[in-house]
Amino acid sequence: LVQLVESGGGSVQPGGSLRLSCAASGYTDTNYCMAWFRQRPGIEREGVREGVAAFYTGDGTTYYHDLLKGRFTIALDNMKNTLTLQMDNLARDDTAMYFCAAHRAREPGWCRNIWAYEYTDWGQGTQVTVSS
């Protein structure tokens, strides 16, 4: 059972940066898709977890939400078993609860679509608020 614990959230002004971390434990020798999701406030978005970025542990392939690529960078520190999300030039619309998630995978393509329903293990989330 993979356990995931997020940290690094907080409040930041528009245009600022934050770096989220996800400490992972319980890995086996298999490969995984590890990803960041976010759940933004608002009735129309209630319960919707958007895929932000994904990382395939087998070879380091990364995938991003089309609208976030260029501002967000996902990485995995293998020595520390920590998944990170560097977020730059943040906007108010990036305000959300950010979650780390994982599921077993056999090839990079399994991580391509970043769909929440495919992920079996989840952290508790860390809040990011962007406001002036």
N, C-alpha and C. Protein backbone atom coordinates (compact mmCIF):
# COMPACT_ATOMS: atom_id res chain seq x y z
N LEU A 1 0.84 -1.18 0.00
CA LEU A 1 0.00 0.00 0.00
C LEU A 1 0.89 1.24 0.00
N VAL A 2 0.71 2.08 -0.99
CA VAL A 2 1.46 3.32 -1.09
C VAL A 2 0.80 4.38 -0.22
N GLN A 3 1.58 5.03 0.59
CA GLN A 3 1.09 6.14 1.41
C GLN A 3 1.71 7.43 0.91
N LEU A 4 0.88 8.45 0.79
CA LEU A 4 1.29 9.72 0.23
C LEU A 4 0.94 10.86 1.16
N VAL A 5 1.90 11.74 1.43
CA VAL A 5 1.68 12.87 2.31
C VAL A 5 2.17 14.14 1.63
N GLU A 6 1.24 15.05 1.37
CA GLU A 6 1.59 16.30 0.69
C GLU A 6 1.99 17.38 1.70
N SER A 7 2.79 18.32 1.21
CA SER A 7 3.18 19.50 1.99
C SER A 7 3.57 20.61 1.03
N GLY A 8 3.72 21.81 1.57
CA GLY A 8 4.21 22.92 0.76
C GLY A 8 3.16 23.91 0.32
N GLY A 9 1.90 23.63 0.62
CA GLY A 9 0.86 24.57 0.25
C GLY A 9 0.92 25.83 1.10
N GLY A 10 0.13 26.82 0.72
CA GLY A 10 0.09 28.06 1.46
C GLY A 10 -0.54 29.16 0.64
N SER A 11 -0.34 30.40 1.09
CA SER A 11 -0.88 31.56 0.40
C SER A 11 0.23 32.28 -0.36
N VAL A 12 -0.10 32.74 -1.54
CA VAL A 12 0.89 33.43 -2.38
C VAL A 12 0.17 34.48 -3.21
N GLN A 13 0.87 35.53 -3.56
CA GLN A 13 0.28 36.56 -4.41
C GLN A 13 0.32 36.14 -5.87
N PRO A 14 -0.57 36.70 -6.67
CA PRO A 14 -0.52 36.41 -8.12
C PRO A 14 0.85 36.70 -8.70
N GLY A 15 1.31 35.80 -9.54
CA GLY A 15 2.65 35.91 -10.10
C GLY A 15 3.72 35.21 -9.30
N GLY A 16 3.38 34.78 -8.11
CA GLY A 16 4.34 34.11 -7.24
C GLY A 16 4.51 32.64 -7.57
N SER A 17 5.34 31.96 -6.77
CA SER A 17 5.66 30.56 -6.97
C SER A 17 5.49 29.77 -5.68
N LEU A 18 5.21 28.49 -5.83
CA LEU A 18 5.17 27.55 -4.73
C LEU A 18 5.70 26.22 -5.21
N ARG A 19 6.26 25.46 -4.29
CA ARG A 19 6.74 24.12 -4.60
C ARG A 19 6.08 23.14 -3.65
N LEU A 20 5.27 22.26 -4.20
CA LEU A 20 4.60 21.24 -3.41
C LEU A 20 5.44 19.98 -3.38
N SER A 21 5.35 19.26 -2.27
CA SER A 21 6.06 17.99 -2.13
C SER A 21 5.09 16.90 -1.72
N CYS A 22 5.40 15.68 -2.11
CA CYS A 22 4.59 14.52 -1.76
C CYS A 22 5.54 13.40 -1.36
N ALA A 23 5.56 13.10 -0.07
CA ALA A 23 6.43 12.04 0.44
C ALA A 23 5.71 10.72 0.27
N ALA A 24 6.35 9.78 -0.41
CA ALA A 24 5.75 8.49 -0.72
C ALA A 24 6.45 7.37 0.04
N SER A 25 5.66 6.43 0.53
CA SER A 25 6.21 5.27 1.20
C SER A 25 5.39 4.04 0.82
N GLY A 26 5.98 2.87 0.98
CA GLY A 26 5.25 1.64 0.68
C GLY A 26 5.41 1.17 -0.75
N TYR A 27 6.36 1.72 -1.48
CA TYR A 27 6.58 1.28 -2.85
C TYR A 27 7.04 -0.17 -2.90
N THR A 28 6.65 -0.84 -3.96
CA THR A 28 7.20 -2.14 -4.28
C THR A 28 8.14 -1.96 -5.48
N ASP A 29 8.56 -3.03 -6.09
CA ASP A 29 9.47 -2.93 -7.21
C ASP A 29 8.78 -2.58 -8.52
N THR A 30 7.47 -2.49 -8.51
CA THR A 30 6.77 -2.18 -9.74
C THR A 30 6.88 -0.70 -10.06
N ASN A 31 6.47 -0.33 -11.25
CA ASN A 31 6.45 1.07 -11.64
C ASN A 31 5.07 1.68 -11.40
N TYR A 32 5.05 2.99 -11.32
CA TYR A 32 3.83 3.71 -11.00
C TYR A 32 3.66 4.93 -11.89
N CYS A 33 2.42 5.32 -12.06
CA CYS A 33 2.11 6.69 -12.45
C CYS A 33 1.92 7.44 -11.13
N MET A 34 2.62 8.55 -10.99
CA MET A 34 2.41 9.43 -9.86
C MET A 34 1.98 10.79 -10.42
N ALA A 35 0.99 11.37 -9.78
CA ALA A 35 0.41 12.57 -10.38
C ALA A 35 -0.03 13.57 -9.33
N TRP A 36 -0.21 14.79 -9.79
CA TRP A 36 -0.83 15.85 -9.00
C TRP A 36 -2.19 16.16 -9.61
N PHE A 37 -3.16 16.31 -8.73
CA PHE A 37 -4.50 16.73 -9.10
C PHE A 37 -4.85 17.97 -8.29
N ARG A 38 -5.86 18.67 -8.73
CA ARG A 38 -6.36 19.78 -7.93
C ARG A 38 -7.88 19.83 -7.98
N GLN A 39 -8.43 20.34 -6.89
CA GLN A 39 -9.88 20.50 -6.79
C GLN A 39 -10.13 21.96 -6.48
N ARG A 40 -10.67 22.68 -7.44
CA ARG A 40 -10.86 24.12 -7.29
C ARG A 40 -12.23 24.43 -6.71
N PRO A 41 -12.38 25.55 -5.99
CA PRO A 41 -13.66 25.90 -5.38
C PRO A 41 -14.70 26.31 -6.42
N GLY A 42 -15.94 26.22 -6.02
CA GLY A 42 -17.03 26.61 -6.90
C GLY A 42 -17.98 25.45 -7.09
N ILE A 43 -19.26 25.77 -7.13
CA ILE A 43 -20.28 24.73 -7.21
C ILE A 43 -20.10 23.89 -8.47
N GLU A 44 -19.79 24.55 -9.57
CA GLU A 44 -19.68 23.81 -10.82
C GLU A 44 -18.49 22.87 -10.85
N ARG A 45 -17.55 23.07 -9.91
CA ARG A 45 -16.35 22.24 -9.87
C ARG A 45 -16.37 21.29 -8.69
N GLU A 46 -17.46 21.28 -7.92
CA GLU A 46 -17.49 20.49 -6.71
C GLU A 46 -17.25 19.03 -7.00
N GLY A 47 -16.26 18.47 -6.30
CA GLY A 47 -15.97 17.06 -6.46
C GLY A 47 -15.12 16.72 -7.66
N VAL A 48 -14.81 17.72 -8.49
CA VAL A 48 -14.05 17.45 -9.70
C VAL A 48 -12.56 17.61 -9.41
N ARG A 49 -11.82 16.56 -9.63
CA ARG A 49 -10.36 16.63 -9.47
C ARG A 49 -9.72 16.65 -10.84
N GLU A 50 -9.08 17.76 -11.12
CA GLU A 50 -8.44 17.95 -12.42
C GLU A 50 -7.01 17.42 -12.39
N GLY A 51 -6.64 16.72 -13.42
CA GLY A 51 -5.27 16.26 -13.54
C GLY A 51 -4.35 17.40 -13.90
N VAL A 52 -3.30 17.60 -13.12
CA VAL A 52 -2.36 18.69 -13.35
C VAL A 52 -1.13 18.20 -14.10
N ALA A 53 -0.51 17.14 -13.57
CA ALA A 53 0.71 16.60 -14.18
C ALA A 53 0.92 15.18 -13.68
N ALA A 54 1.59 14.37 -14.49
CA ALA A 54 1.85 12.98 -14.12
C ALA A 54 3.29 12.61 -14.45
N PHE A 55 3.80 11.62 -13.70
CA PHE A 55 5.19 11.18 -13.83
C PHE A 55 5.22 9.66 -13.82
N TYR A 56 5.86 9.07 -14.83
CA TYR A 56 5.99 7.62 -14.88
C TYR A 56 7.32 7.25 -14.25
N THR A 57 7.30 6.47 -13.17
CA THR A 57 8.53 6.18 -12.43
C THR A 57 9.48 5.27 -13.20
N GLY A 58 8.99 4.54 -14.20
CA GLY A 58 9.84 3.62 -14.93
C GLY A 58 10.94 4.29 -15.73
N ASP A 59 10.61 5.45 -16.35
CA ASP A 59 11.61 6.11 -17.18
C ASP A 59 11.59 7.63 -17.08
N GLY A 60 10.75 8.18 -16.19
CA GLY A 60 10.75 9.62 -15.99
C GLY A 60 9.91 10.40 -16.97
N THR A 61 9.11 9.72 -17.79
CA THR A 61 8.23 10.43 -18.73
C THR A 61 7.23 11.26 -17.95
N THR A 62 6.99 12.47 -18.43
CA THR A 62 6.05 13.36 -17.77
C THR A 62 4.94 13.78 -18.72
N TYR A 63 3.80 14.07 -18.14
CA TYR A 63 2.64 14.56 -18.88
C TYR A 63 2.04 15.72 -18.12
N TYR A 64 1.45 16.66 -18.86
CA TYR A 64 0.87 17.85 -18.23
C TYR A 64 -0.50 18.17 -18.82
N HIS A 65 -1.32 18.79 -17.99
CA HIS A 65 -2.54 19.41 -18.49
C HIS A 65 -2.10 20.45 -19.52
N ASP A 66 -2.76 20.45 -20.68
CA ASP A 66 -2.34 21.33 -21.77
C ASP A 66 -2.24 22.80 -21.36
N LEU A 67 -3.14 23.25 -20.51
CA LEU A 67 -3.19 24.66 -20.15
C LEU A 67 -2.18 25.03 -19.06
N LEU A 68 -1.56 24.02 -18.44
CA LEU A 68 -0.65 24.31 -17.34
C LEU A 68 0.81 24.08 -17.69
N LYS A 69 1.03 23.41 -18.79
CA LYS A 69 2.41 23.13 -19.19
C LYS A 69 3.14 24.44 -19.42
N GLY A 70 4.34 24.54 -18.89
CA GLY A 70 5.11 25.78 -19.01
C GLY A 70 5.14 26.55 -17.72
N ARG A 71 4.10 26.42 -16.91
CA ARG A 71 4.09 27.08 -15.60
C ARG A 71 4.34 26.08 -14.47
N PHE A 72 3.94 24.82 -14.69
CA PHE A 72 4.06 23.80 -13.66
C PHE A 72 5.08 22.75 -14.11
N THR A 73 5.89 22.26 -13.16
CA THR A 73 6.89 21.24 -13.46
C THR A 73 6.83 20.14 -12.42
N ILE A 74 6.65 18.91 -12.88
CA ILE A 74 6.61 17.76 -11.99
C ILE A 74 7.95 17.05 -12.02
N ALA A 75 8.38 16.54 -10.87
CA ALA A 75 9.65 15.83 -10.79
C ALA A 75 9.59 14.82 -9.65
N LEU A 76 10.48 13.84 -9.71
CA LEU A 76 10.56 12.83 -8.66
C LEU A 76 12.00 12.73 -8.16
N ASP A 77 12.16 12.90 -6.86
CA ASP A 77 13.46 12.71 -6.22
C ASP A 77 13.49 11.27 -5.72
N ASN A 78 14.18 10.41 -6.45
CA ASN A 78 14.18 8.98 -6.10
C ASN A 78 14.84 8.71 -4.76
N MET A 79 15.88 9.47 -4.45
CA MET A 79 16.59 9.25 -3.20
C MET A 79 15.68 9.52 -2.01
N LYS A 80 14.82 10.52 -2.15
CA LYS A 80 13.96 10.92 -1.03
C LYS A 80 12.55 10.37 -1.18
N ASN A 81 12.29 9.64 -2.29
CA ASN A 81 10.93 9.15 -2.55
C ASN A 81 9.92 10.28 -2.47
N THR A 82 10.24 11.39 -3.08
CA THR A 82 9.39 12.57 -2.99
C THR A 82 9.05 13.08 -4.38
N LEU A 83 7.76 13.23 -4.61
CA LEU A 83 7.26 13.82 -5.85
C LEU A 83 7.05 15.31 -5.61
N THR A 84 7.50 16.14 -6.54
CA THR A 84 7.35 17.58 -6.36
C THR A 84 6.57 18.19 -7.51
N LEU A 85 6.00 19.36 -7.23
CA LEU A 85 5.32 20.14 -8.25
C LEU A 85 5.76 21.59 -8.06
N GLN A 86 6.57 22.08 -8.97
CA GLN A 86 6.98 23.47 -8.96
C GLN A 86 5.95 24.28 -9.74
N MET A 87 5.36 25.28 -9.09
CA MET A 87 4.31 26.08 -9.71
C MET A 87 4.78 27.53 -9.79
N ASP A 88 4.87 28.06 -10.98
CA ASP A 88 5.35 29.43 -11.20
C ASP A 88 4.26 30.28 -11.83
N ASN A 89 4.43 31.60 -11.68
CA ASN A 89 3.49 32.55 -12.25
C ASN A 89 2.05 32.18 -11.90
N LEU A 90 1.81 31.97 -10.64
CA LEU A 90 0.50 31.53 -10.19
C LEU A 90 -0.56 32.60 -10.37
N ALA A 91 -1.75 32.14 -10.69
CA ALA A 91 -2.90 33.03 -10.88
C ALA A 91 -3.99 32.67 -9.89
N ARG A 92 -4.95 33.60 -9.71
CA ARG A 92 -6.03 33.34 -8.75
C ARG A 92 -6.78 32.04 -9.07
N ASP A 93 -6.88 31.73 -10.35
CA ASP A 93 -7.60 30.54 -10.76
C ASP A 93 -6.86 29.25 -10.41
N ASP A 94 -5.63 29.36 -9.94
CA ASP A 94 -4.89 28.18 -9.48
C ASP A 94 -5.22 27.83 -8.04
N THR A 95 -5.99 28.67 -7.38
CA THR A 95 -6.42 28.38 -6.01
C THR A 95 -7.17 27.06 -5.97
N ALA A 96 -6.71 26.14 -5.12
CA ALA A 96 -7.31 24.81 -5.08
C ALA A 96 -6.68 23.99 -3.97
N MET A 97 -7.31 22.88 -3.67
CA MET A 97 -6.67 21.84 -2.87
C MET A 97 -5.93 20.94 -3.85
N TYR A 98 -4.64 20.74 -3.60
CA TYR A 98 -3.80 19.93 -4.48
C TYR A 98 -3.54 18.58 -3.84
N PHE A 99 -3.73 17.53 -4.63
CA PHE A 99 -3.59 16.17 -4.17
C PHE A 99 -2.50 15.44 -4.95
N CYS A 100 -1.80 14.57 -4.26
CA CYS A 100 -0.85 13.65 -4.86
C CYS A 100 -1.54 12.28 -4.96
N ALA A 101 -1.29 11.56 -6.04
CA ALA A 101 -1.93 10.27 -6.24
C ALA A 101 -1.01 9.34 -7.01
N ALA A 102 -1.30 8.03 -6.94
CA ALA A 102 -0.46 7.05 -7.62
C ALA A 102 -1.28 5.82 -8.00
N HIS A 103 -0.82 5.14 -9.04
CA HIS A 103 -1.35 3.82 -9.38
C HIS A 103 -0.28 3.05 -10.13
N ARG A 104 -0.34 1.74 -10.06
CA ARG A 104 0.62 0.90 -10.75
C ARG A 104 0.50 1.08 -12.26
N ALA A 105 1.63 0.96 -12.93
CA ALA A 105 1.62 1.12 -14.39
C ALA A 105 2.74 0.30 -15.00
N ARG A 106 2.52 -0.14 -16.25
CA ARG A 106 3.52 -0.96 -16.94
C ARG A 106 4.25 -0.20 -18.03
N GLU A 107 3.71 0.96 -18.43
CA GLU A 107 4.37 1.74 -19.47
C GLU A 107 3.95 3.19 -19.34
N PRO A 108 4.72 4.10 -19.93
CA PRO A 108 4.44 5.53 -19.75
C PRO A 108 3.05 5.94 -20.21
N GLY A 109 2.56 5.31 -21.27
CA GLY A 109 1.27 5.69 -21.81
C GLY A 109 0.12 5.56 -20.83
N TRP A 110 0.28 4.75 -19.82
CA TRP A 110 -0.75 4.58 -18.80
C TRP A 110 -0.95 5.87 -18.01
N CYS A 111 0.02 6.77 -18.06
CA CYS A 111 -0.05 8.01 -17.29
C CYS A 111 -0.55 9.19 -18.13
N ARG A 112 -0.75 8.98 -19.41
CA ARG A 112 -0.96 10.09 -20.34
C ARG A 112 -2.19 10.94 -20.02
N ASN A 113 -3.30 10.33 -19.70
CA ASN A 113 -4.57 11.06 -19.61
C ASN A 113 -4.83 11.73 -18.26
N ILE A 114 -4.11 11.35 -17.24
CA ILE A 114 -4.24 11.95 -15.89
C ILE A 114 -5.71 12.02 -15.46
N TRP A 115 -6.35 10.87 -15.48
CA TRP A 115 -7.74 10.79 -15.03
C TRP A 115 -7.82 10.30 -13.61
N ALA A 116 -8.58 11.01 -12.77
CA ALA A 116 -8.61 10.71 -11.34
C ALA A 116 -9.09 9.28 -11.06
N TYR A 117 -10.04 8.79 -11.84
CA TYR A 117 -10.62 7.50 -11.54
C TYR A 117 -9.61 6.35 -11.70
N GLU A 118 -8.50 6.60 -12.38
CA GLU A 118 -7.51 5.55 -12.57
C GLU A 118 -6.57 5.40 -11.37
N TYR A 119 -6.58 6.38 -10.48
CA TYR A 119 -5.61 6.41 -9.39
C TYR A 119 -6.17 5.77 -8.13
N THR A 120 -5.37 4.87 -7.54
CA THR A 120 -5.84 4.06 -6.42
C THR A 120 -5.39 4.57 -5.06
N ASP A 121 -4.32 5.34 -5.04
CA ASP A 121 -3.78 5.82 -3.77
C ASP A 121 -3.72 7.34 -3.79
N TRP A 122 -4.18 7.94 -2.69
CA TRP A 122 -4.30 9.39 -2.61
C TRP A 122 -3.78 9.93 -1.29
N GLY A 123 -3.20 11.13 -1.35
CA GLY A 123 -2.88 11.84 -0.14
C GLY A 123 -4.07 12.65 0.34
N GLN A 124 -3.88 13.36 1.44
CA GLN A 124 -4.97 14.14 2.04
C GLN A 124 -5.11 15.53 1.42
N GLY A 125 -4.11 15.97 0.70
CA GLY A 125 -4.18 17.26 0.02
C GLY A 125 -3.49 18.37 0.78
N THR A 126 -3.11 19.40 0.03
CA THR A 126 -2.53 20.61 0.61
C THR A 126 -3.14 21.81 -0.11
N GLN A 127 -3.54 22.81 0.68
CA GLN A 127 -4.27 23.94 0.13
C GLN A 127 -3.33 24.99 -0.44
N VAL A 128 -3.64 25.46 -1.64
CA VAL A 128 -2.92 26.56 -2.27
C VAL A 128 -3.91 27.68 -2.52
N THR A 129 -3.60 28.86 -2.00
CA THR A 129 -4.46 30.03 -2.18
C THR A 129 -3.66 31.15 -2.83
N VAL A 130 -4.17 31.63 -3.95
CA VAL A 130 -3.50 32.71 -4.67
C VAL A 130 -4.39 33.94 -4.59
N SER A 131 -3.93 34.95 -3.88
CA SER A 131 -4.71 36.18 -3.74
C SER A 131 -3.79 37.33 -3.40
N SER A 132 -4.30 38.53 -3.66
CA SER A 132 -3.51 39.71 -3.34
C SER A 132 -4.01 40.35 -2.05
